[in-house]
Protein backbone atom coordinates (compact mmCIF):
# COMPACT_ATOMS: atom_id res chain seq x y z
CA UNK A 1 -2.25 -1.02 10.47
CA UNK A 2 -2.15 -4.73 9.70
CA UNK A 3 -1.74 -5.53 13.45
CA UNK A 4 -4.67 -3.29 14.27
CA UNK A 5 -6.79 -4.99 11.61
CA UNK A 6 -5.75 -8.37 13.03
CA UNK A 7 -6.75 -7.29 16.51
CA UNK A 8 -10.14 -6.25 15.21
CA UNK A 9 -10.54 -9.69 13.46
CA UNK A 10 -10.59 -8.16 9.94
CA UNK A 11 -7.52 -10.01 8.60
CA UNK A 12 -5.35 -13.07 9.37
CA UNK A 13 -1.82 -13.92 8.43
CA UNK A 14 -1.30 -17.16 6.52
CA UNK A 15 1.57 -18.62 8.57
CA UNK A 16 2.16 -21.27 5.94
CA UNK A 17 3.84 -18.70 3.64
CA UNK A 18 6.35 -17.28 6.06
CA UNK A 19 6.18 -14.92 9.02
CA UNK A 20 6.20 -11.19 9.44
CA UNK A 21 6.54 -9.26 6.15
CA UNK A 22 6.55 -12.47 4.04
CA UNK A 23 3.28 -13.78 5.39
CA UNK A 24 0.26 -13.56 3.12
CA UNK A 25 -2.61 -11.63 4.64
CA UNK A 26 -6.20 -12.31 3.88
CA UNK A 27 -9.52 -10.88 4.83
CA UNK A 28 -11.66 -12.77 7.34
CA UNK A 29 -15.39 -13.08 6.86
CA UNK A 30 -15.78 -10.03 9.14
CA UNK A 31 -13.20 -8.16 6.97
CA UNK A 32 -15.11 -8.99 3.80
CA UNK A 33 -18.27 -7.72 5.40
CA UNK A 34 -16.55 -4.45 6.51
CA UNK A 35 -15.11 -4.04 3.02
CA UNK A 36 -18.52 -4.40 1.39
CA UNK A 37 -20.12 -1.92 3.81
CA UNK A 38 -17.32 0.62 3.19
CA UNK A 39 -17.61 0.26 -0.61
CA UNK A 40 -21.34 0.89 -0.44
CA UNK A 41 -20.81 3.99 1.70
CA UNK A 42 -18.15 5.27 -0.72
CA UNK A 43 -20.48 4.60 -3.63
CA UNK A 44 -23.29 6.53 -1.97
CA UNK A 45 -20.94 9.45 -1.11
CA UNK A 46 -19.71 9.63 -4.79
CA UNK A 47 -23.33 9.50 -6.08
CA UNK A 48 -24.52 12.29 -3.69
CA UNK A 49 -21.37 14.33 -4.17
CA UNK A 50 -21.79 14.36 -7.91
CA UNK A 51 -25.56 14.91 -7.90
CA UNK A 52 -26.61 17.57 -10.36
CA UNK A 53 -23.63 17.24 -12.65
CA UNK A 54 -24.17 16.20 -16.29
CA UNK A 55 -22.02 13.47 -17.79
CA UNK A 56 -20.13 16.14 -19.66
CA UNK A 57 -19.48 18.20 -16.54
CA UNK A 58 -18.36 15.16 -14.64
CA UNK A 59 -15.97 14.24 -17.48
CA UNK A 60 -14.44 17.75 -17.43
CA UNK A 61 -14.11 17.64 -13.68
CA UNK A 62 -12.26 14.31 -13.68
CA UNK A 63 -10.03 15.58 -16.48
CA UNK A 64 -9.15 18.61 -14.46
CA UNK A 65 -8.40 16.50 -11.43
CA UNK A 66 -6.09 14.28 -13.51
CA UNK A 67 -4.19 17.31 -14.79
CA UNK A 68 -3.84 18.72 -11.31
CA UNK A 69 -2.65 15.35 -9.93
CA UNK A 70 -0.05 15.01 -12.73
CA UNK A 71 1.21 18.51 -12.05
CA UNK A 72 1.54 17.80 -8.30
CA UNK A 73 3.43 14.57 -9.05
CA UNK A 74 5.85 16.56 -11.22
CA UNK A 75 6.32 19.08 -8.37
CA UNK A 76 7.18 16.25 -5.93
CA UNK A 77 9.74 14.82 -8.38
CA UNK A 78 11.36 18.11 -9.36
CA UNK A 79 10.60 20.49 -6.43
CA UNK A 80 9.14 23.93 -6.74
CA UNK A 81 11.08 26.44 -8.82
CA UNK A 82 12.96 29.06 -6.84
């Protein structure tokens, strides 16, 4: 993915700190612009997706998602019972 992002001009490797896996990677100006645009689109999607929910309903929803995520993490650690 990093190579693809480099090809698109979104990131550059800082060669002064090593090569390959040790090189620091930073966003270019174009990468920062793309990141900002993506964050704005995500923000809009979350706002529209949660439209019509009260704060209390939203709180219950996020709580339920946390419980489900925790349960799924336990399954991946332990495996499903036979």
